[in-house]
C-alpha atoms as a PDB file:
ATOM      1  CA  MET A   1     -23.468  43.162  -0.903  1.00  0.00           C
ATOM      2  CA  MET A   2     -26.436  41.225   1.564  1.00  0.00           C
ATOM      3  CA  THR A   3     -26.730  38.816  -1.512  1.00  0.00           C
ATOM      4  CA  ALA A   4     -23.073  38.297  -1.854  1.00  0.00           C
ATOM      5  CA  ALA A   5     -23.086  36.314   1.815  1.00  0.00           C
ATOM      6  CA  PRO A   6     -25.465  33.834   1.318  1.00  0.00           C
ATOM      7  CA  SER A   7     -24.244  32.911  -2.488  1.00  0.00           C
ATOM      8  CA  LEU A   8     -21.005  33.041  -0.778  1.00  0.00           C
ATOM      9  CA  ALA A   9     -21.862  30.389   2.323  1.00  0.00           C
ATOM     10  CA  ARG A  10     -23.350  28.031  -0.227  1.00  0.00           C
ATOM     11  CA  ARG A  11     -20.476  27.796  -2.100  1.00  0.00           C
ATOM     12  CA  SER A  12     -18.008  26.865   0.923  1.00  0.00           C
ATOM     13  CA  VAL A  13     -21.060  24.662   1.819  1.00  0.00           C
ATOM     14  CA  LEU A  14     -20.794  22.974  -1.740  1.00  0.00           C
ATOM     15  CA  ALA A  15     -17.067  23.355  -1.629  1.00  0.00           C
ATOM     16  CA  GLY A  16     -16.686  20.885   1.694  1.00  0.00           C
ATOM     17  CA  CYS A  17     -19.302  18.261   0.532  1.00  0.00           C
ATOM     18  CA  GLY A  18     -17.431  18.459  -2.853  1.00  0.00           C
ATOM     19  CA  ALA A  19     -13.838  17.938  -1.031  1.00  0.00           C
ATOM     20  CA  ALA A  20     -15.233  15.489   1.530  1.00  0.00           C
ATOM     21  CA  LEU A  21     -17.028  13.805  -1.412  1.00  0.00           C
ATOM     22  CA  ALA A  22     -13.472  13.221  -3.558  1.00  0.00           C
ATOM     23  CA  LEU A  23     -11.939  11.958   0.013  1.00  0.00           C
ATOM     24  CA  ALA A  24     -14.826   8.902  -0.018  1.00  0.00           C
ATOM     25  CA  ALA A  25     -13.730   8.234  -3.081  1.00  0.00           C
ATOM     26  CA  ALA A  26      -9.986   8.748  -3.193  1.00  0.00           C
ATOM     27  CA  PRO A  27      -9.370   4.921  -2.524  1.00  0.00           C
ATOM     28  CA  ALA A  28     -11.610   3.620  -5.208  1.00  0.00           C
ATOM     29  CA  LEU A  29      -9.733   6.336  -7.746  1.00  0.00           C
ATOM     30  CA  ALA A  30      -6.238   6.065  -6.482  1.00  0.00           C
ATOM     31  CA  ALA A  31      -5.342   2.553  -7.552  1.00  0.00           C
ATOM     32  CA  PRO A  32      -3.564   3.296 -10.994  1.00  0.00           C
ATOM     33  CA  ALA A  33      -1.725  -0.077 -10.412  1.00  0.00           C
ATOM     34  CA  ARG A  34      -5.057  -1.867 -10.730  1.00  0.00           C
ATOM     35  CA  ALA A  35      -5.409  -0.046 -14.460  1.00  0.00           C
ATOM     36  CA  ARG A  36      -1.746  -1.478 -15.752  1.00  0.00           C
ATOM     37  CA  ARG A  37      -1.319  -4.864 -17.317  1.00  0.00           C
ATOM     38  CA  PHE A  38       0.494  -7.627 -15.269  1.00  0.00           C
ATOM     39  CA  ALA A  39       2.088 -10.811 -16.181  1.00  0.00           C
ATOM     40  CA  ILE A  40      -0.214 -12.564 -13.871  1.00  0.00           C
ATOM     41  CA  GLN A  41      -3.936 -11.118 -14.288  1.00  0.00           C
ATOM     42  CA  LEU A  42      -7.005 -12.806 -12.601  1.00  0.00           C
ATOM     43  CA  SER A  43     -10.454 -11.862 -11.800  1.00  0.00           C
ATOM     44  CA  ASP A  44     -11.410 -10.878  -8.415  1.00  0.00           C
ATOM     45  CA  ALA A  45     -13.164 -14.036  -8.085  1.00  0.00           C
ATOM     46  CA  GLU A  46     -10.025 -15.654  -8.678  1.00  0.00           C
ATOM     47  CA  TRP A  47      -8.086 -13.496  -6.714  1.00  0.00           C
ATOM     48  CA  ARG A  48     -10.502 -13.973  -3.430  1.00  0.00           C
ATOM     49  CA  ALA A  49     -10.325 -17.636  -3.946  1.00  0.00           C
ATOM     50  CA  ARG A  50      -6.363 -17.469  -3.594  1.00  0.00           C
ATOM     51  CA  LEU A  51      -5.873 -15.042  -1.362  1.00  0.00           C
ATOM     52  CA  GLY A  52      -9.043 -15.068   1.453  1.00  0.00           C
ATOM     53  CA  PRO A  53     -10.535 -12.310   2.252  1.00  0.00           C
ATOM     54  CA  ALA A  54      -8.130 -10.619   4.622  1.00  0.00           C
ATOM     55  CA  ARG A  55      -5.370 -10.565   2.162  1.00  0.00           C
ATOM     56  CA  PHE A  56      -7.652  -9.646  -0.728  1.00  0.00           C
ATOM     57  CA  ARG A  57      -8.603  -6.334   1.049  1.00  0.00           C
ATOM     58  CA  ILE A  58      -5.097  -5.562   1.107  1.00  0.00           C
ATOM     59  CA  LEU A  59      -3.412  -6.812  -1.777  1.00  0.00           C
ATOM     60  CA  ARG A  60      -6.690  -6.208  -4.431  1.00  0.00           C
ATOM     61  CA  ARG A  61      -8.412  -3.025  -2.611  1.00  0.00           C
ATOM     62  CA  HIS A  62      -5.141  -0.963  -1.280  1.00  0.00           C
ATOM     63  CA  GLY A  63      -6.306  -1.945   2.281  1.00  0.00           C
ATOM     64  CA  THR A  64      -3.944  -1.653   5.501  1.00  0.00           C
ATOM     65  CA  GLU A  65      -4.146  -4.182   8.274  1.00  0.00           C
ATOM     66  CA  PRO A  66      -4.113  -2.823  11.794  1.00  0.00           C
ATOM     67  CA  ALA A  67      -0.640  -1.813  13.118  1.00  0.00           C
ATOM     68  CA  PHE A  68       1.454  -4.383  15.343  1.00  0.00           C
ATOM     69  CA  SER A  69      -0.981  -6.831  14.110  1.00  0.00           C
ATOM     70  CA  SER A  70       1.412  -8.981  11.626  1.00  0.00           C
ATOM     71  CA  PRO A  71       3.496 -11.649  13.408  1.00  0.00           C
ATOM     72  CA  LEU A  72       5.739 -10.763  10.653  1.00  0.00           C
ATOM     73  CA  ASN A  73       6.626  -7.804  12.199  1.00  0.00           C
ATOM     74  CA  LYS A  74       8.918  -9.545  14.962  1.00  0.00           C
ATOM     75  CA  GLU A  75       9.900 -11.967  12.569  1.00  0.00           C
ATOM     76  CA  LYS A  76      13.882 -12.123  12.978  1.00  0.00           C
ATOM     77  CA  ARG A  77      15.126 -15.278  10.931  1.00  0.00           C
ATOM     78  CA  ARG A  78      17.326 -14.742   7.797  1.00  0.00           C
ATOM     79  CA  GLY A  79      15.146 -15.922   4.904  1.00  0.00           C
ATOM     80  CA  THR A  80      12.971 -13.977   2.167  1.00  0.00           C
ATOM     81  CA  TYR A  81       9.504 -12.157   2.154  1.00  0.00           C
ATOM     82  CA  ALA A  82       7.591 -12.958  -0.838  1.00  0.00           C
ATOM     83  CA  CYS A  83       4.407 -11.628  -2.301  1.00  0.00           C
ATOM     84  CA  ALA A  84       1.529 -13.379  -0.840  1.00  0.00           C
ATOM     85  CA  GLY A  85      -0.342 -13.001  -4.036  1.00  0.00           C
ATOM     86  CA  CYS A  86       2.125 -14.424  -6.516  1.00  0.00           C
ATOM     87  CA  GLY A  87       5.234 -15.572  -4.835  1.00  0.00           C
ATOM     88  CA  LEU A  88       7.700 -12.944  -6.142  1.00  0.00           C
ATOM     89  CA  PRO A  89      10.503 -12.470  -3.705  1.00  0.00           C
ATOM     90  CA  LEU A  90      10.535  -8.682  -2.803  1.00  0.00           C
ATOM     91  CA  PHE A  91      12.752  -8.108   0.329  1.00  0.00           C
ATOM     92  CA  SER A  92      15.686  -9.918   2.107  1.00  0.00           C
ATOM     93  CA  SER A  93      15.712 -10.410   6.080  1.00  0.00           C
ATOM     94  CA  ALA A  94      19.181  -8.536   5.909  1.00  0.00           C
ATOM     95  CA  ALA A  95      17.205  -5.309   4.789  1.00  0.00           C
ATOM     96  CA  LYS A  96      14.423  -5.611   7.486  1.00  0.00           C
ATOM     97  CA  TYR A  97      14.537  -3.121  10.669  1.00  0.00           C
ATOM     98  CA  ASP A  98      11.958  -2.188  13.438  1.00  0.00           C
ATOM     99  CA  SER A  99      10.572   1.283  12.285  1.00  0.00           C
ATOM    100  CA  GLY A 100       8.667   1.053  15.042  1.00  0.00           C
ATOM    101  CA  THR A 101       5.188   1.837  13.519  1.00  0.00           C
ATOM    102  CA  GLY A 102       3.468  -1.399  13.576  1.00  0.00           C
ATOM    103  CA  TRP A 103       4.556  -2.489  10.174  1.00  0.00           C
ATOM    104  CA  PRO A 104       7.049  -4.681   8.527  1.00  0.00           C
ATOM    105  CA  SER A 105       9.731  -2.482   7.224  1.00  0.00           C
ATOM    106  CA  PHE A 106      12.747  -2.735   4.589  1.00  0.00           C
ATOM    107  CA  TRP A 107      15.503   0.192   3.721  1.00  0.00           C
ATOM    108  CA  ARG A 108      15.627  -2.078   0.567  1.00  0.00           C
ATOM    109  CA  ALA A 109      13.550  -4.050  -2.149  1.00  0.00           C
ATOM    110  CA  LEU A 110      15.183  -6.785  -3.988  1.00  0.00           C
ATOM    111  CA  PRO A 111      16.086  -5.146  -7.502  1.00  0.00           C
ATOM    112  CA  GLY A 112      13.568  -5.361  -9.989  1.00  0.00           C
ATOM    113  CA  ALA A 113      10.889  -6.674  -7.738  1.00  0.00           C
ATOM    114  CA  ILE A 114       8.708  -3.714  -6.995  1.00  0.00           C
ATOM    115  CA  GLY A 115       6.793  -1.087  -8.882  1.00  0.00           C
ATOM    116  CA  THR A 116       5.305   2.442  -7.783  1.00  0.00           C
ATOM    117  CA  SER A 117       2.241   4.552  -7.881  1.00  0.00           C
ATOM    118  CA  ARG A 118       1.276   7.989  -6.959  1.00  0.00           C
ATOM    119  CA  ASP A 119      -1.568   8.227  -4.297  1.00  0.00           C
ATOM    120  CA  ARG A 120      -3.326  10.785  -3.131  1.00  0.00           C
ATOM    121  CA  SER A 121      -6.448   8.542  -1.278  1.00  0.00           C
ATOM    122  CA  LEU A 122      -5.366  10.836   2.108  1.00  0.00           C
ATOM    123  CA  GLY A 123      -5.354  13.740   0.534  1.00  0.00           C
ATOM    124  CA  PHE A 124      -1.454  14.186   0.155  1.00  0.00           C
ATOM    125  CA  LEU A 125       0.849  12.630  -2.286  1.00  0.00           C
ATOM    126  CA  ARG A 126       2.647   9.293  -0.817  1.00  0.00           C
ATOM    127  CA  VAL A 127       4.257   6.785  -3.159  1.00  0.00           C
ATOM    128  CA  GLU A 128       2.487   3.100  -3.072  1.00  0.00           C
ATOM    129  CA  GLU A 129       4.349  -0.189  -3.505  1.00  0.00           C
ATOM    130  CA  HIS A 130       3.037  -2.758  -5.851  1.00  0.00           C
ATOM    131  CA  CYS A 131       4.349  -6.250  -6.415  1.00  0.00           C
ATOM    132  CA  ARG A 132       5.722  -5.818  -9.962  1.00  0.00           C
ATOM    133  CA  ARG A 133       4.635  -9.342 -11.083  1.00  0.00           C
ATOM    134  CA  CYS A 134       0.929  -9.141  -9.829  1.00  0.00           C
ATOM    135  CA  GLY A 135       0.233  -5.402  -9.419  1.00  0.00           C
ATOM    136  CA  GLY A 136      -0.539  -6.150  -5.546  1.00  0.00           C
ATOM    137  CA  HIS A 137      -0.898  -3.600  -3.037  1.00  0.00           C
ATOM    138  CA  LEU A 138       2.200  -3.707  -0.924  1.00  0.00           C
ATOM    139  CA  GLY A 139       1.884  -0.557   1.503  1.00  0.00           C
ATOM    140  CA  HIS A 140       4.094   2.670   1.072  1.00  0.00           C
ATOM    141  CA  ILE A 141       7.520   4.392   0.836  1.00  0.00           C
ATOM    142  CA  PHE A 142       8.662   7.037   2.811  1.00  0.00           C
ATOM    143  CA  ASP A 143      11.875   9.353   3.065  1.00  0.00           C
ATOM    144  CA  ASP A 144      12.653   8.603   6.943  1.00  0.00           C
ATOM    145  CA  GLY A 145      14.395   5.101   6.690  1.00  0.00           C
ATOM    146  CA  PRO A 146      17.858   4.347   7.873  1.00  0.00           C
ATOM    147  CA  PRO A 147      20.896   4.863   6.143  1.00  0.00           C
ATOM    148  CA  PRO A 148      21.958   3.541   3.563  1.00  0.00           C
ATOM    149  CA  THR A 149      18.863   4.034   1.438  1.00  0.00           C
ATOM    150  CA  GLY A 150      16.896   6.616   3.592  1.00  0.00           C
ATOM    151  CA  LYS A 151      14.052   5.141   2.673  1.00  0.00           C
ATOM    152  CA  ARG A 152      11.207   2.990   4.692  1.00  0.00           C
ATOM    153  CA  HIS A 153       9.024   0.497   2.742  1.00  0.00           C
ATOM    154  CA  CYS A 154       6.259   0.246   4.787  1.00  0.00           C
ATOM    155  CA  ILE A 155       4.562  -3.166   4.014  1.00  0.00           C
ATOM    156  CA  ASN A 156       1.735  -4.848   4.987  1.00  0.00           C
ATOM    157  CA  GLY A 157       2.048  -7.914   6.588  1.00  0.00           C
ATOM    158  CA  LEU A 158      -0.601  -9.901   5.027  1.00  0.00           C
ATOM    159  CA  ALA A 159       0.705  -8.366   1.298  1.00  0.00           C
ATOM    160  CA  LEU A 160       3.606 -11.087   2.645  1.00  0.00           C
ATOM    161  CA  THR A 161       5.226 -14.732   3.014  1.00  0.00           C
ATOM    162  CA  PHE A 162       8.100 -15.478   4.645  1.00  0.00           C
ATOM    163  CA  ARG A 163      10.565 -17.971   3.258  1.00  0.00           C
ATOM    164  CA  PRO A 164      13.130 -19.099   5.710  1.00  0.00           C
ATOM    165  CA  GLY A 165      16.839 -19.898   4.727  1.00  0.00           C
END
């Protein structure tokens, strides 16, 4: 019995290290949209030049902006929210609502505008949302939104541009 304890302790430490390593590597592994082919394909250098560093981190590296940092969170005018990467219209202002989360939120995307992927980067399953045309990371979809859909499209403001009208 004495020999089992060190072996069990060693396995527990190794398992904990493996789990920590997997979580640290998860953002790099949790981007299945990157592997897909999209209508707009650019190199990293071309995306960086087009987007700038902050938008590149969000749209191309699946980053997240700080909550309550986007002016689009408080945007109240009628119009359309488009992908900051390629300009594809994604959301109507008619579907925007204040979720209280600090990110622009919508209860429905425009038809055919988005794609989804499974995201396990935080150790649990979420639905990642990306632009159908360029694959840019937008945010995530949750099941705690208002009627009629019950969905909350929680979107990074830096992933969007707003077109009044």
